[in-house]
Amino acid sequence: MIIKSDLESCRSRLQSMIGSPVRLSSNGGRKRIIVHEGVVDNCYPNVFTVRCQRESDGEFEIVSYSYIDVLTRAVRIAIPAEAADTAAVV
């Protein structure tokens, strides 16, 4: 069971990562994993956004995820190894 303090802890951790590169993995259904790489853009009361650059045209897209998805591990967040001395997982 997720309690309010877990949610606030997740939110504050992600707020401290604003501007940091991250790799997000989520289940796309039917044995498909969706991976987005980008920079944590902003944190809102219920969701956070990540700015990702599309490979096809170089434009940016903004994807959003809820903190609940992170806490239930529907979405996994990792800091790429080249961005940090050691890889860390939220």
Protein backbone atom coordinates (compact mmCIF):
# COMPACT_ATOMS: atom_id res chain seq x y z
CA MET A 1 0.00 0.00 0.00
CA ILE A 2 1.32 3.40 -0.95
CA ILE A 3 1.14 6.07 1.72
CA LYS A 4 1.29 9.84 1.37
CA SER A 5 4.85 10.08 2.70
CA ASP A 6 6.06 7.69 -0.03
CA LEU A 7 4.42 9.89 -2.64
CA GLU A 8 5.97 13.06 -1.21
CA SER A 9 9.38 11.40 -1.03
CA CYS A 10 9.15 10.36 -4.69
CA ARG A 11 8.04 13.86 -5.70
CA SER A 12 10.88 15.57 -3.80
CA ARG A 13 13.44 13.14 -5.25
CA LEU A 14 12.26 13.90 -8.78
CA GLN A 15 12.22 17.65 -8.09
CA SER A 16 15.88 17.40 -7.16
CA MET A 17 16.51 15.73 -10.53
CA ILE A 18 15.06 18.58 -12.65
CA GLY A 19 17.51 19.19 -15.49
CA SER A 20 19.15 15.78 -15.10
CA PRO A 21 19.18 13.19 -17.89
CA VAL A 22 17.12 10.04 -17.23
CA ARG A 23 16.06 6.85 -18.96
CA LEU A 24 12.43 5.76 -18.46
CA SER A 25 11.18 2.26 -19.20
CA SER A 26 7.50 1.39 -19.18
CA ASN A 27 5.33 -1.50 -20.25
CA GLY A 28 3.69 -0.90 -23.63
CA GLY A 29 1.59 -4.05 -23.56
CA ARG A 30 1.94 -7.29 -25.52
CA LYS A 31 5.56 -7.87 -24.46
CA ARG A 32 6.62 -4.40 -25.63
CA ILE A 33 8.79 -2.09 -23.55
CA ILE A 34 8.73 1.65 -24.25
CA VAL A 35 11.98 3.48 -23.49
CA HIS A 36 12.30 7.25 -23.38
CA GLU A 37 15.55 9.09 -22.78
CA GLY A 38 15.49 12.75 -21.91
CA VAL A 39 15.77 15.41 -19.24
CA VAL A 40 13.44 15.83 -16.28
CA ASP A 41 11.56 18.97 -17.25
CA ASN A 42 9.11 19.80 -14.48
CA CYS A 43 7.29 18.37 -11.46
CA TYR A 44 3.62 18.98 -10.80
CA PRO A 45 1.43 17.83 -7.88
CA ASN A 46 0.45 14.51 -9.51
CA VAL A 47 2.78 14.04 -12.49
CA PHE A 48 6.27 14.88 -13.73
CA THR A 49 7.35 15.61 -17.28
CA VAL A 50 10.41 14.57 -19.26
CA ARG A 51 11.60 16.35 -22.41
CA CYS A 52 12.77 13.79 -24.99
CA GLN A 53 14.33 14.42 -28.38
CA ARG A 54 12.79 12.42 -31.21
CA GLU A 55 15.34 10.67 -33.40
CA SER A 56 13.29 10.95 -36.58
CA ASP A 57 13.07 14.73 -36.88
CA GLY A 58 15.10 16.17 -34.02
CA GLU A 59 12.04 17.82 -32.45
CA PHE A 60 11.32 17.59 -28.74
CA GLU A 61 8.38 15.79 -27.25
CA ILE A 62 7.26 15.98 -23.66
CA VAL A 63 6.07 12.82 -21.95
CA SER A 64 4.43 12.74 -18.55
CA TYR A 65 4.24 10.06 -15.89
CA SER A 66 2.58 9.92 -12.49
CA TYR A 67 4.47 9.39 -9.27
CA ILE A 68 2.21 6.40 -8.58
CA ASP A 69 3.57 4.72 -11.74
CA VAL A 70 7.08 5.08 -10.34
CA LEU A 71 6.11 3.77 -6.89
CA THR A 72 4.28 0.74 -8.32
CA ARG A 73 7.21 0.15 -10.70
CA ALA A 74 5.05 0.44 -13.81
CA VAL A 75 7.70 2.97 -14.85
CA ARG A 76 11.37 2.50 -14.05
CA ILE A 77 13.72 5.47 -13.89
CA ALA A 78 17.47 5.15 -14.34
CA ILE A 79 20.23 7.70 -14.58
CA PRO A 80 22.38 6.89 -17.63
CA ALA A 81 25.94 5.82 -16.78
CA GLU A 82 27.49 8.57 -18.89
CA ALA A 83 25.59 11.21 -16.87
CA ALA A 84 26.72 10.02 -13.45
CA ASP A 85 29.76 8.36 -11.96
CA THR A 86 27.62 5.40 -10.92
CA ALA A 87 24.21 4.44 -12.27
CA ALA A 88 21.37 4.95 -9.82
CA VAL A 89 17.78 3.83 -9.92
CA VAL A 90 14.91 5.71 -8.32
